[in-house]
């Protein structure tokens, strides 16, 4: 056999052997390809399922947080309504505490009864009629102490309202500087004048006793029933439960409180003329009667010593009181 024929034989033998090997190996190769393809498809499906599961879990977590936030907001709304109901009709002890007095309701009633008894005995000594004596005793026992309590409470709440924005600004600066909220509250206690300092001292002491900050701020609103303290309690409660930028929220609250204060002062300036007119109209009958009694006492003896005159005086006083209350209602505005 020639060399060329030998080479051709070797080449053809190699090709034949390769074809035979491919024929025998082709089913296994095809099966391996199918297995690899199935593995790739399964991996893709598994990744897709993983992404879908993660997306569902994220959606469920978001829905859960949303429901929790809605429930918290609903609880805050219910608590705000409850606080509003309590603040609309405070008890005597609550009014005493809000006025800053360190006495109990029982002691206040004893003082009122003592004033009524003293006024009754004093008017009897001067020989006034029995109806006038009873009227003066009722006024001294019920009117004067409660009027003093109301004026003291109103003054203290007004002082708190005037200083409260300064306390909020101090808290905002402390939070922006990186101080904890508890430390900023202690700074308010030491730097802001009373009654803000004393009320925030109660908040700090409540926290030291284990009360949460939200509940302590609720107590602040019950002690000082103002819309400003209600806003502050709501902001603190939302921030403690849902998170957020406390300094920004309190900064907005401070700005709103200052705008409310400006509006209140503007309304007071506009209504000052009506208040002066109401004061003059309400005081004229009393002043005229006092001047007549000092110059001509006999002229009013009929009203003072005759039962029919006493009835006229009582009816006149009642109608004057109704008129004064109506004028007060007309010139007072709630912001």
C-alpha atoms as a PDB file:
ATOM      1  CA  UNK A   1       0.000   0.000   0.000  1.00  0.00           C
ATOM      2  CA  UNK A   2       1.358   3.350  -0.956  1.00  0.00           C
ATOM      3  CA  UNK A   3       1.990   6.041   1.644  1.00  0.00           C
ATOM      4  CA  UNK A   4      -0.901   8.146   0.334  1.00  0.00           C
ATOM      5  CA  UNK A   5      -3.268   5.225   0.649  1.00  0.00           C
ATOM      6  CA  UNK A   6      -2.033   4.635   4.216  1.00  0.00           C
ATOM      7  CA  UNK A   7      -2.731   8.264   5.186  1.00  0.00           C
ATOM      8  CA  UNK A   8      -6.160   8.148   3.577  1.00  0.00           C
ATOM      9  CA  UNK A   9      -6.960   4.928   5.461  1.00  0.00           C
ATOM     10  CA  UNK A  10      -5.909   6.455   8.798  1.00  0.00           C
ATOM     11  CA  UNK A  11      -7.972   9.615   8.160  1.00  0.00           C
ATOM     12  CA  UNK A  12     -11.047   7.665   7.184  1.00  0.00           C
ATOM     13  CA  UNK A  13     -10.640   5.360  10.172  1.00  0.00           C
ATOM     14  CA  UNK A  14     -10.379   8.337  12.514  1.00  0.00           C
ATOM     15  CA  UNK A  15     -13.475   9.934  11.047  1.00  0.00           C
ATOM     16  CA  UNK A  16     -15.376   6.675  11.305  1.00  0.00           C
ATOM     17  CA  UNK A  17     -14.306   6.194  14.922  1.00  0.00           C
ATOM     18  CA  UNK A  18     -15.385   9.755  15.719  1.00  0.00           C
ATOM     19  CA  UNK A  19     -18.745   9.213  14.071  1.00  0.00           C
ATOM     20  CA  UNK A  20     -19.281   6.020  15.987  1.00  0.00           C
ATOM     21  CA  UNK A  21     -18.268   7.699  19.251  1.00  0.00           C
ATOM     22  CA  UNK A  22     -20.634  10.606  18.555  1.00  0.00           C
ATOM     23  CA  UNK A  23     -23.416   8.189  17.724  1.00  0.00           C
ATOM     24  CA  UNK A  24     -22.928   6.430  21.022  1.00  0.00           C
ATOM     25  CA  UNK A  25     -22.391   9.662  23.085  1.00  0.00           C
ATOM     26  CA  UNK A  26     -25.077  11.845  21.475  1.00  0.00           C
ATOM     27  CA  UNK A  27     -27.999  10.693  23.723  1.00  0.00           C
ATOM     28  CA  UNK A  28     -25.932  11.350  26.862  1.00  0.00           C
ATOM     29  CA  UNK A  29     -24.880  14.775  25.574  1.00  0.00           C
ATOM     30  CA  UNK A  30     -28.461  15.664  24.722  1.00  0.00           C
ATOM     31  CA  UNK A  31     -29.584  14.551  28.176  1.00  0.00           C
ATOM     32  CA  UNK A  32     -26.839  16.625  29.779  1.00  0.00           C
ATOM     33  CA  UNK A  33     -27.948  19.673  27.765  1.00  0.00           C
ATOM     34  CA  UNK A  34     -31.541  19.153  28.804  1.00  0.00           C
ATOM     35  CA  UNK A  35     -30.508  18.820  32.433  1.00  0.00           C
ATOM     36  CA  UNK A  36     -28.432  22.000  32.188  1.00  0.00           C
ATOM     37  CA  UNK A  37     -31.312  23.814  30.500  1.00  0.00           C
ATOM     38  CA  UNK A  38     -33.712  22.624  33.193  1.00  0.00           C
ATOM     39  CA  UNK A  39     -31.302  23.724  35.909  1.00  0.00           C
ATOM     40  CA  UNK A  40     -31.002  27.177  34.318  1.00  0.00           C
ATOM     41  CA  UNK A  41     -34.764  27.473  33.969  1.00  0.00           C
ATOM     42  CA  UNK A  42     -35.290  26.290  37.546  1.00  0.00           C
ATOM     43  CA  UNK A  43     -32.704  28.804  38.782  1.00  0.00           C
ATOM     44  CA  UNK A  44     -34.458  31.599  36.925  1.00  0.00           C
ATOM     45  CA  UNK A  45     -37.838  30.501  38.228  1.00  0.00           C
ATOM     46  CA  UNK A  46     -36.436  30.240  41.749  1.00  0.00           C
ATOM     47  CA  UNK A  47     -34.949  33.744  41.500  1.00  0.00           C
ATOM     48  CA  UNK A  48     -38.283  35.027  40.182  1.00  0.00           C
ATOM     49  CA  UNK A  49     -40.155  33.300  42.980  1.00  0.00           C
ATOM     50  CA  UNK A  50     -37.700  34.714  45.491  1.00  0.00           C
ATOM     51  CA  UNK A  51     -38.194  38.214  44.130  1.00  0.00           C
ATOM     52  CA  UNK A  52     -41.962  37.770  44.178  1.00  0.00           C
ATOM     53  CA  UNK A  53     -41.869  36.465  47.743  1.00  0.00           C
ATOM     54  CA  UNK A  54     -39.644  39.351  48.848  1.00  0.00           C
ATOM     55  CA  UNK A  55     -41.939  41.850  47.133  1.00  0.00           C
ATOM     56  CA  UNK A  56     -44.964  40.284  48.849  1.00  0.00           C
ATOM     57  CA  UNK A  57     -43.198  40.389  52.203  1.00  0.00           C
ATOM     58  CA  UNK A  58     -42.308  44.044  51.670  1.00  0.00           C
ATOM     59  CA  UNK A  59     -45.909  44.842  50.742  1.00  0.00           C
ATOM     60  CA  UNK A  60     -47.181  42.946  53.771  1.00  0.00           C
ATOM     61  CA  UNK A  61     -44.722  44.764  56.016  1.00  0.00           C
ATOM     62  CA  UNK A  62     -45.748  48.117  54.564  1.00  0.00           C
ATOM     63  CA  UNK A  63     -49.424  47.241  54.978  1.00  0.00           C
ATOM     64  CA  UNK A  64     -48.759  46.143  58.557  1.00  0.00           C
ATOM     65  CA  UNK A  65     -46.928  49.379  59.339  1.00  0.00           C
ATOM     66  CA  UNK A  66     -49.686  51.360  57.665  1.00  0.00           C
ATOM     67  CA  UNK A  67     -52.352  49.615  59.745  1.00  0.00           C
ATOM     68  CA  UNK A  68     -50.289  50.126  62.893  1.00  0.00           C
ATOM     69  CA  UNK A  69     -49.867  53.819  62.086  1.00  0.00           C
ATOM     70  CA  UNK A  70     -53.582  54.178  61.385  1.00  0.00           C
ATOM     71  CA  UNK A  71     -54.411  52.482  64.673  1.00  0.00           C
ATOM     72  CA  UNK A  72     -51.963  54.724  66.523  1.00  0.00           C
ATOM     73  CA  UNK A  73     -53.436  57.823  64.907  1.00  0.00           C
ATOM     74  CA  UNK A  74     -56.936  56.644  65.770  1.00  0.00           C
ATOM     75  CA  UNK A  75     -55.864  56.073  69.366  1.00  0.00           C
ATOM     76  CA  UNK A  76     -54.339  59.543  69.449  1.00  0.00           C
ATOM     77  CA  UNK A  77     -57.552  61.005  68.046  1.00  0.00           C
ATOM     78  CA  UNK A  78     -59.655  59.179  70.648  1.00  0.00           C
ATOM     79  CA  UNK A  79     -57.340  60.331  73.413  1.00  0.00           C
ATOM     80  CA  UNK A  80     -57.514  63.908  72.091  1.00  0.00           C
ATOM     81  CA  UNK A  81     -61.318  63.758  72.110  1.00  0.00           C
ATOM     82  CA  UNK A  82     -61.241  62.342  75.619  1.00  0.00           C
ATOM     83  CA  UNK A  83     -58.872  65.097  76.738  1.00  0.00           C
ATOM     84  CA  UNK A  84     -61.146  67.683  75.145  1.00  0.00           C
ATOM     85  CA  UNK A  85     -64.136  66.289  77.031  1.00  0.00           C
ATOM     86  CA  UNK A  86     -62.250  66.347  80.327  1.00  0.00           C
ATOM     87  CA  UNK A  87     -60.933  69.872  79.764  1.00  0.00           C
ATOM     88  CA  UNK A  88     -64.403  71.212  78.880  1.00  0.00           C
ATOM     89  CA  UNK A  89     -65.718  70.508  82.410  1.00  0.00           C
ATOM     90  CA  UNK A  90     -62.812  70.440  84.860  1.00  0.00           C
ATOM     91  CA  UNK A  91     -63.534  69.551  88.441  1.00  0.00           C
ATOM     92  CA  UNK A  92     -62.931  71.925  91.311  1.00  0.00           C
ATOM     93  CA  UNK A  93     -59.683  70.187  92.241  1.00  0.00           C
ATOM     94  CA  UNK A  94     -58.494  70.388  88.631  1.00  0.00           C
ATOM     95  CA  UNK A  95     -59.234  74.126  88.536  1.00  0.00           C
ATOM     96  CA  UNK A  96     -57.333  74.565  91.787  1.00  0.00           C
ATOM     97  CA  UNK A  97     -54.330  72.685  90.387  1.00  0.00           C
ATOM     98  CA  UNK A  98     -54.483  74.632  87.127  1.00  0.00           C
ATOM     99  CA  UNK A  99     -54.466  77.862  89.128  1.00  0.00           C
ATOM    100  CA  UNK A 100     -51.256  76.772  90.845  1.00  0.00           C
ATOM    101  CA  UNK A 101     -52.748  76.707  94.353  1.00  0.00           C
ATOM    102  CA  UNK A 102     -51.439  74.183  96.874  1.00  0.00           C
ATOM    103  CA  UNK A 103     -54.745  73.445  98.581  1.00  0.00           C
ATOM    104  CA  UNK A 104     -57.376  70.747  98.319  1.00  0.00           C
ATOM    105  CA  UNK A 105     -60.970  71.142  97.181  1.00  0.00           C
ATOM    106  CA  UNK A 106     -62.163  70.446 100.715  1.00  0.00           C
ATOM    107  CA  UNK A 107     -60.054  73.260 102.128  1.00  0.00           C
ATOM    108  CA  UNK A 108     -61.269  75.606  99.391  1.00  0.00           C
ATOM    109  CA  UNK A 109     -64.898  74.846 100.317  1.00  0.00           C
ATOM    110  CA  UNK A 110     -64.130  75.462 103.991  1.00  0.00           C
ATOM    111  CA  UNK A 111     -62.593  78.844 103.144  1.00  0.00           C
ATOM    112  CA  UNK A 112     -65.665  79.718 101.053  1.00  0.00           C
ATOM    113  CA  UNK A 113     -67.978  78.744 103.904  1.00  0.00           C
ATOM    114  CA  UNK A 114     -65.919  80.832 106.334  1.00  0.00           C
ATOM    115  CA  UNK A 115     -66.131  83.882 104.066  1.00  0.00           C
ATOM    116  CA  UNK A 116     -69.901  83.421 103.722  1.00  0.00           C
ATOM    117  CA  UNK A 117     -70.329  83.198 107.516  1.00  0.00           C
ATOM    118  CA  UNK A 118     -68.119  86.255 108.098  1.00  0.00           C
ATOM    119  CA  UNK A 119     -70.023  88.305 105.515  1.00  0.00           C
ATOM    120  CA  UNK A 120     -73.357  87.225 106.992  1.00  0.00           C
ATOM    121  CA  UNK A 121     -72.350  88.228 110.539  1.00  0.00           C
ATOM    122  CA  UNK A 122     -70.829  91.499 109.357  1.00  0.00           C
ATOM    123  CA  UNK A 123     -73.942  92.536 107.456  1.00  0.00           C
ATOM    124  CA  UNK A 124     -76.099  91.643 110.457  1.00  0.00           C
ATOM    125  CA  UNK A 125     -73.975  93.947 112.622  1.00  0.00           C
ATOM    126  CA  UNK A 126     -74.629  96.855 110.226  1.00  0.00           C
ATOM    127  CA  UNK A 127     -78.362  96.158 110.338  1.00  0.00           C
ATOM    128  CA  UNK A 128     -78.981  95.417 106.681  1.00  0.00           C
ATOM    129  CA  UNK A 129     -82.192  93.651 105.612  1.00  0.00           C
ATOM    130  CA  UNK A 130     -82.244  89.880 105.755  1.00  0.00           C
ATOM    131  CA  UNK A 131     -82.511  89.468 101.980  1.00  0.00           C
ATOM    132  CA  UNK A 132     -79.548  91.749 101.411  1.00  0.00           C
ATOM    133  CA  UNK A 133     -77.635  89.888 104.125  1.00  0.00           C
ATOM    134  CA  UNK A 134     -78.298  86.539 102.488  1.00  0.00           C
ATOM    135  CA  UNK A 135     -77.356  87.913  99.069  1.00  0.00           C
ATOM    136  CA  UNK A 136     -74.062  89.320 100.340  1.00  0.00           C
ATOM    137  CA  UNK A 137     -73.288  86.053 102.138  1.00  0.00           C
ATOM    138  CA  UNK A 138     -73.925  84.037  98.965  1.00  0.00           C
ATOM    139  CA  UNK A 139     -71.756  86.375  96.935  1.00  0.00           C
ATOM    140  CA  UNK A 140     -68.956  86.276  99.511  1.00  0.00           C
ATOM    141  CA  UNK A 141     -69.127  82.498  99.894  1.00  0.00           C
ATOM    142  CA  UNK A 142     -69.629  81.425  96.295  1.00  0.00           C
ATOM    143  CA  UNK A 143     -68.862  84.340  94.032  1.00  0.00           C
ATOM    144  CA  UNK A 144     -65.675  85.871  95.423  1.00  0.00           C
ATOM    145  CA  UNK A 145     -63.635  82.665  95.991  1.00  0.00           C
ATOM    146  CA  UNK A 146     -64.594  81.225  92.622  1.00  0.00           C
ATOM    147  CA  UNK A 147     -63.956  84.546  90.885  1.00  0.00           C
ATOM    148  CA  UNK A 148     -60.510  84.673  92.495  1.00  0.00           C
ATOM    149  CA  UNK A 149     -59.872  81.057  91.443  1.00  0.00           C
ATOM    150  CA  UNK A 150     -61.025  81.747  87.891  1.00  0.00           C
ATOM    151  CA  UNK A 151     -58.881  84.864  87.537  1.00  0.00           C
ATOM    152  CA  UNK A 152     -55.835  83.105  89.034  1.00  0.00           C
ATOM    153  CA  UNK A 153     -56.314  80.137  86.696  1.00  0.00           C
ATOM    154  CA  UNK A 154     -56.797  82.356  83.647  1.00  0.00           C
ATOM    155  CA  UNK A 155     -53.714  84.439  84.451  1.00  0.00           C
ATOM    156  CA  UNK A 156     -51.549  81.375  84.952  1.00  0.00           C
ATOM    157  CA  UNK A 157     -52.717  79.790  81.704  1.00  0.00           C
ATOM    158  CA  UNK A 158     -52.096  83.059  79.826  1.00  0.00           C
ATOM    159  CA  UNK A 159     -48.584  83.286  81.275  1.00  0.00           C
ATOM    160  CA  UNK A 160     -47.935  79.713  80.190  1.00  0.00           C
ATOM    161  CA  UNK A 161     -49.234  80.450  76.692  1.00  0.00           C
ATOM    162  CA  UNK A 162     -46.931  83.472  76.361  1.00  0.00           C
ATOM    163  CA  UNK A 163     -43.803  81.539  77.392  1.00  0.00           C
ATOM    164  CA  UNK A 164     -44.594  78.213  75.743  1.00  0.00           C
ATOM    165  CA  UNK A 165     -43.253  79.113  72.229  1.00  0.00           C
ATOM    166  CA  UNK A 166     -39.924  80.039  73.834  1.00  0.00           C
ATOM    167  CA  UNK A 167     -39.798  76.616  75.468  1.00  0.00           C
ATOM    168  CA  UNK A 168     -40.540  74.938  72.128  1.00  0.00           C
ATOM    169  CA  UNK A 169     -37.736  76.905  70.438  1.00  0.00           C
ATOM    170  CA  UNK A 170     -35.366  75.850  73.196  1.00  0.00           C
ATOM    171  CA  UNK A 171     -36.314  72.197  72.673  1.00  0.00           C
ATOM    172  CA  UNK A 172     -35.810  72.545  68.893  1.00  0.00           C
ATOM    173  CA  UNK A 173     -32.329  74.050  69.324  1.00  0.00           C
ATOM    174  CA  UNK A 174     -31.361  71.318  71.781  1.00  0.00           C
ATOM    175  CA  UNK A 175     -32.553  68.525  69.475  1.00  0.00           C
ATOM    176  CA  UNK A 176     -30.737  70.061  66.499  1.00  0.00           C
ATOM    177  CA  UNK A 177     -27.580  70.271  68.598  1.00  0.00           C
ATOM    178  CA  UNK A 178     -27.795  66.525  69.223  1.00  0.00           C
ATOM    179  CA  UNK A 179     -29.013  66.539  72.821  1.00  0.00           C
ATOM    180  CA  UNK A 180     -31.493  63.883  73.982  1.00  0.00           C
ATOM    181  CA  UNK A 181     -35.050  65.056  74.406  1.00  0.00           C
ATOM    182  CA  UNK A 182     -34.965  64.455  78.167  1.00  0.00           C
ATOM    183  CA  UNK A 183     -31.977  66.781  78.527  1.00  0.00           C
ATOM    184  CA  UNK A 184     -33.720  69.503  76.518  1.00  0.00           C
ATOM    185  CA  UNK A 185     -36.743  69.223  78.817  1.00  0.00           C
ATOM    186  CA  UNK A 186     -34.469  69.725  81.828  1.00  0.00           C
ATOM    187  CA  UNK A 187     -33.019  72.776  80.081  1.00  0.00           C
ATOM    188  CA  UNK A 188     -36.540  74.169  79.737  1.00  0.00           C
ATOM    189  CA  UNK A 189     -37.080  73.633  83.472  1.00  0.00           C
ATOM    190  CA  UNK A 190     -33.955  75.621  84.333  1.00  0.00           C
ATOM    191  CA  UNK A 191     -34.110  78.397  81.690  1.00  0.00           C
ATOM    192  CA  UNK A 192     -37.796  79.204  81.076  1.00  0.00           C
ATOM    193  CA  UNK A 193     -39.717  81.161  83.752  1.00  0.00           C
ATOM    194  CA  UNK A 194     -42.671  79.843  85.693  1.00  0.00           C
ATOM    195  CA  UNK A 195     -45.340  78.481  85.078  1.00  0.00           C
ATOM    196  CA  UNK A 196     -43.704  76.719  82.115  1.00  0.00           C
ATOM    197  CA  UNK A 197     -40.765  75.558  84.225  1.00  0.00           C
ATOM    198  CA  UNK A 198     -42.967  74.076  86.962  1.00  0.00           C
ATOM    199  CA  UNK A 199     -45.171  72.216  84.473  1.00  0.00           C
ATOM    200  CA  UNK A 200     -42.200  70.776  82.573  1.00  0.00           C
ATOM    201  CA  UNK A 201     -40.682  69.825  85.928  1.00  0.00           C
ATOM    202  CA  UNK A 202     -43.738  67.608  86.432  1.00  0.00           C
ATOM    203  CA  UNK A 203     -43.140  66.053  82.999  1.00  0.00           C
ATOM    204  CA  UNK A 204     -39.510  65.297  83.870  1.00  0.00           C
ATOM    205  CA  UNK A 205     -40.480  63.846  87.250  1.00  0.00           C
ATOM    206  CA  UNK A 206     -43.150  61.677  85.610  1.00  0.00           C
ATOM    207  CA  UNK A 207     -40.523  60.275  83.234  1.00  0.00           C
ATOM    208  CA  UNK A 208     -38.234  59.526  86.143  1.00  0.00           C
ATOM    209  CA  UNK A 209     -41.069  57.559  87.727  1.00  0.00           C
ATOM    210  CA  UNK A 210     -41.328  55.378  84.594  1.00  0.00           C
ATOM    211  CA  UNK A 211     -44.124  57.180  82.726  1.00  0.00           C
ATOM    212  CA  UNK A 212     -43.655  57.387  78.971  1.00  0.00           C
ATOM    213  CA  UNK A 213     -43.066  60.768  77.368  1.00  0.00           C
ATOM    214  CA  UNK A 214     -46.386  60.646  75.506  1.00  0.00           C
ATOM    215  CA  UNK A 215     -48.361  60.003  78.705  1.00  0.00           C
ATOM    216  CA  UNK A 216     -46.393  62.717  80.518  1.00  0.00           C
ATOM    217  CA  UNK A 217     -47.309  65.211  77.780  1.00  0.00           C
ATOM    218  CA  UNK A 218     -50.947  64.105  78.091  1.00  0.00           C
ATOM    219  CA  UNK A 219     -50.736  65.034  81.759  1.00  0.00           C
ATOM    220  CA  UNK A 220     -49.289  68.384  80.728  1.00  0.00           C
ATOM    221  CA  UNK A 221     -52.386  69.038  78.614  1.00  0.00           C
ATOM    222  CA  UNK A 222     -54.680  68.059  81.483  1.00  0.00           C
ATOM    223  CA  UNK A 223     -52.802  70.447  83.765  1.00  0.00           C
ATOM    224  CA  UNK A 224     -52.751  73.292  81.202  1.00  0.00           C
ATOM    225  CA  UNK A 225     -55.781  72.804  78.914  1.00  0.00           C
ATOM    226  CA  UNK A 226     -54.631  74.800  75.909  1.00  0.00           C
ATOM    227  CA  UNK A 227     -54.681  73.936  72.183  1.00  0.00           C
ATOM    228  CA  UNK A 228     -50.921  74.582  72.215  1.00  0.00           C
ATOM    229  CA  UNK A 229     -50.229  71.862  74.771  1.00  0.00           C
ATOM    230  CA  UNK A 230     -52.612  69.537  72.924  1.00  0.00           C
ATOM    231  CA  UNK A 231     -50.610  70.074  69.703  1.00  0.00           C
ATOM    232  CA  UNK A 232     -47.382  69.465  71.591  1.00  0.00           C
ATOM    233  CA  UNK A 233     -48.687  66.210  73.092  1.00  0.00           C
ATOM    234  CA  UNK A 234     -49.856  64.975  69.675  1.00  0.00           C
ATOM    235  CA  UNK A 235     -46.511  65.792  68.010  1.00  0.00           C
ATOM    236  CA  UNK A 236     -44.546  64.006  70.736  1.00  0.00           C
ATOM    237  CA  UNK A 237     -46.852  60.969  70.643  1.00  0.00           C
ATOM    238  CA  UNK A 238     -46.654  60.643  66.840  1.00  0.00           C
ATOM    239  CA  UNK A 239     -42.872  61.057  66.848  1.00  0.00           C
ATOM    240  CA  UNK A 240     -42.394  58.462  69.578  1.00  0.00           C
ATOM    241  CA  UNK A 241     -44.581  55.892  67.797  1.00  0.00           C
ATOM    242  CA  UNK A 242     -43.994  56.560  64.090  1.00  0.00           C
ATOM    243  CA  UNK A 243     -40.608  58.316  64.105  1.00  0.00           C
ATOM    244  CA  UNK A 244     -39.708  61.348  62.039  1.00  0.00           C
ATOM    245  CA  UNK A 245     -37.837  64.620  62.276  1.00  0.00           C
ATOM    246  CA  UNK A 246     -38.741  65.929  65.728  1.00  0.00           C
ATOM    247  CA  UNK A 247     -36.908  69.246  65.344  1.00  0.00           C
ATOM    248  CA  UNK A 248     -38.765  70.067  62.125  1.00  0.00           C
ATOM    249  CA  UNK A 249     -42.142  69.111  63.594  1.00  0.00           C
ATOM    250  CA  UNK A 250     -41.560  71.169  66.743  1.00  0.00           C
ATOM    251  CA  UNK A 251     -40.199  74.068  64.670  1.00  0.00           C
ATOM    252  CA  UNK A 252     -43.423  74.122  62.651  1.00  0.00           C
ATOM    253  CA  UNK A 253     -45.397  73.921  65.887  1.00  0.00           C
ATOM    254  CA  UNK A 254     -43.487  76.883  67.332  1.00  0.00           C
ATOM    255  CA  UNK A 255     -44.181  78.917  64.217  1.00  0.00           C
ATOM    256  CA  UNK A 256     -47.893  78.086  64.403  1.00  0.00           C
ATOM    257  CA  UNK A 257     -48.024  79.024  68.098  1.00  0.00           C
ATOM    258  CA  UNK A 258     -46.402  82.392  67.456  1.00  0.00           C
ATOM    259  CA  UNK A 259     -48.817  83.112  64.619  1.00  0.00           C
ATOM    260  CA  UNK A 260     -51.729  82.215  66.894  1.00  0.00           C
ATOM    261  CA  UNK A 261     -50.342  84.569  69.531  1.00  0.00           C
ATOM    262  CA  UNK A 262     -50.119  87.417  67.004  1.00  0.00           C
ATOM    263  CA  UNK A 263     -53.681  86.775  65.870  1.00  0.00           C
ATOM    264  CA  UNK A 264     -54.893  86.706  69.482  1.00  0.00           C
ATOM    265  CA  UNK A 265     -53.202  90.029  70.241  1.00  0.00           C
ATOM    266  CA  UNK A 266     -54.671  91.557  67.092  1.00  0.00           C
ATOM    267  CA  UNK A 267     -58.167  90.437  68.071  1.00  0.00           C
ATOM    268  CA  UNK A 268     -57.687  91.835  71.562  1.00  0.00           C
ATOM    269  CA  UNK A 269     -56.629  95.180  70.138  1.00  0.00           C
ATOM    270  CA  UNK A 270     -59.637  95.298  67.800  1.00  0.00           C
ATOM    271  CA  UNK A 271     -62.119  94.314  70.528  1.00  0.00           C
ATOM    272  CA  UNK A 272     -60.678  96.635  73.183  1.00  0.00           C
ATOM    273  CA  UNK A 273     -63.136  99.424  72.333  1.00  0.00           C
ATOM    274  CA  UNK A 274     -66.106  97.082  72.749  1.00  0.00           C
ATOM    275  CA  UNK A 275     -64.705  95.820  76.060  1.00  0.00           C
ATOM    276  CA  UNK A 276     -64.289  99.375  77.349  1.00  0.00           C
ATOM    277  CA  UNK A 277     -67.850 100.223  76.323  1.00  0.00           C
ATOM    278  CA  UNK A 278     -69.193  97.114  78.037  1.00  0.00           C
ATOM    279  CA  UNK A 279     -67.259  97.936  81.230  1.00  0.00           C
ATOM    280  CA  UNK A 280     -68.595 101.482  81.308  1.00  0.00           C
ATOM    281  CA  UNK A 281     -72.178 100.410  80.640  1.00  0.00           C
ATOM    282  CA  UNK A 282     -72.008  97.718  83.320  1.00  0.00           C
ATOM    283  CA  UNK A 283     -70.479  99.983  85.972  1.00  0.00           C
ATOM    284  CA  UNK A 284     -72.690 103.054  85.465  1.00  0.00           C
ATOM    285  CA  UNK A 285     -75.702 101.761  87.511  1.00  0.00           C
ATOM    286  CA  UNK A 286     -73.492 100.722  90.429  1.00  0.00           C
ATOM    287  CA  UNK A 287     -71.562 104.001  90.442  1.00  0.00           C
ATOM    288  CA  UNK A 288     -74.700 106.132  90.162  1.00  0.00           C
ATOM    289  CA  UNK A 289     -76.409 104.202  92.978  1.00  0.00           C
ATOM    290  CA  UNK A 290     -73.317 104.550  95.180  1.00  0.00           C
ATOM    291  CA  UNK A 291     -73.077 108.303  94.587  1.00  0.00           C
ATOM    292  CA  UNK A 292     -76.798 108.785  95.319  1.00  0.00           C
ATOM    293  CA  UNK A 293     -76.506 106.742  98.515  1.00  0.00           C
ATOM    294  CA  UNK A 294     -73.531 108.824  99.688  1.00  0.00           C
ATOM    295  CA  UNK A 295     -75.202 112.169  98.899  1.00  0.00           C
ATOM    296  CA  UNK A 296     -78.868 111.380  99.645  1.00  0.00           C
ATOM    297  CA  UNK A 297     -79.236 108.139 101.619  1.00  0.00           C
ATOM    298  CA  UNK A 298     -82.956 108.687 102.212  1.00  0.00           C
ATOM    299  CA  UNK A 299     -83.595 108.597  98.484  1.00  0.00           C
ATOM    300  CA  UNK A 300     -82.731 104.854  98.355  1.00  0.00           C
ATOM    301  CA  UNK A 301     -84.253 103.805 101.687  1.00  0.00           C
ATOM    302  CA  UNK A 302     -87.312 102.441  99.913  1.00  0.00           C
ATOM    303  CA  UNK A 303     -85.158 100.070  97.888  1.00  0.00           C
ATOM    304  CA  UNK A 304     -83.038  99.008 100.864  1.00  0.00           C
ATOM    305  CA  UNK A 305     -85.616  98.656 103.652  1.00  0.00           C
ATOM    306  CA  UNK A 306     -88.859  97.850 101.869  1.00  0.00           C
ATOM    307  CA  UNK A 307     -89.380  94.205 100.756  1.00  0.00           C
ATOM    308  CA  UNK A 308     -90.748  95.379  97.424  1.00  0.00           C
ATOM    309  CA  UNK A 309     -87.661  97.533  96.973  1.00  0.00           C
ATOM    310  CA  UNK A 310     -85.461  94.536  97.755  1.00  0.00           C
ATOM    311  CA  UNK A 311     -87.254  92.543  95.050  1.00  0.00           C
ATOM    312  CA  UNK A 312     -86.659  95.380  92.587  1.00  0.00           C
ATOM    313  CA  UNK A 313     -82.968  95.489  93.498  1.00  0.00           C
ATOM    314  CA  UNK A 314     -82.588  91.716  93.083  1.00  0.00           C
ATOM    315  CA  UNK A 315     -84.405  91.739  89.738  1.00  0.00           C
ATOM    316  CA  UNK A 316     -82.287  94.668  88.540  1.00  0.00           C
ATOM    317  CA  UNK A 317     -79.093  92.917  89.598  1.00  0.00           C
ATOM    318  CA  UNK A 318     -80.162  89.746  87.760  1.00  0.00           C
ATOM    319  CA  UNK A 319     -80.944  91.642  84.558  1.00  0.00           C
ATOM    320  CA  UNK A 320     -77.690  93.575  84.792  1.00  0.00           C
ATOM    321  CA  UNK A 321     -75.787  90.322  85.253  1.00  0.00           C
ATOM    322  CA  UNK A 322     -77.489  88.811  82.209  1.00  0.00           C
ATOM    323  CA  UNK A 323     -76.612  91.882  80.143  1.00  0.00           C
ATOM    324  CA  UNK A 324     -72.977  91.809  81.271  1.00  0.00           C
ATOM    325  CA  UNK A 325     -72.684  88.097  80.431  1.00  0.00           C
ATOM    326  CA  UNK A 326     -74.192  88.656  76.990  1.00  0.00           C
ATOM    327  CA  UNK A 327     -71.775  91.504  76.265  1.00  0.00           C
ATOM    328  CA  UNK A 328     -68.856  89.386  77.497  1.00  0.00           C
ATOM    329  CA  UNK A 329     -69.920  86.555  75.200  1.00  0.00           C
ATOM    330  CA  UNK A 330     -70.135  88.927  72.247  1.00  0.00           C
ATOM    331  CA  UNK A 331     -66.669  90.418  72.663  1.00  0.00           C
ATOM    332  CA  UNK A 332     -64.760  87.222  73.522  1.00  0.00           C
ATOM    333  CA  UNK A 333     -63.291  85.222  70.632  1.00  0.00           C
ATOM    334  CA  UNK A 334     -61.769  81.760  70.683  1.00  0.00           C
ATOM    335  CA  UNK A 335     -58.768  81.167  68.394  1.00  0.00           C
END
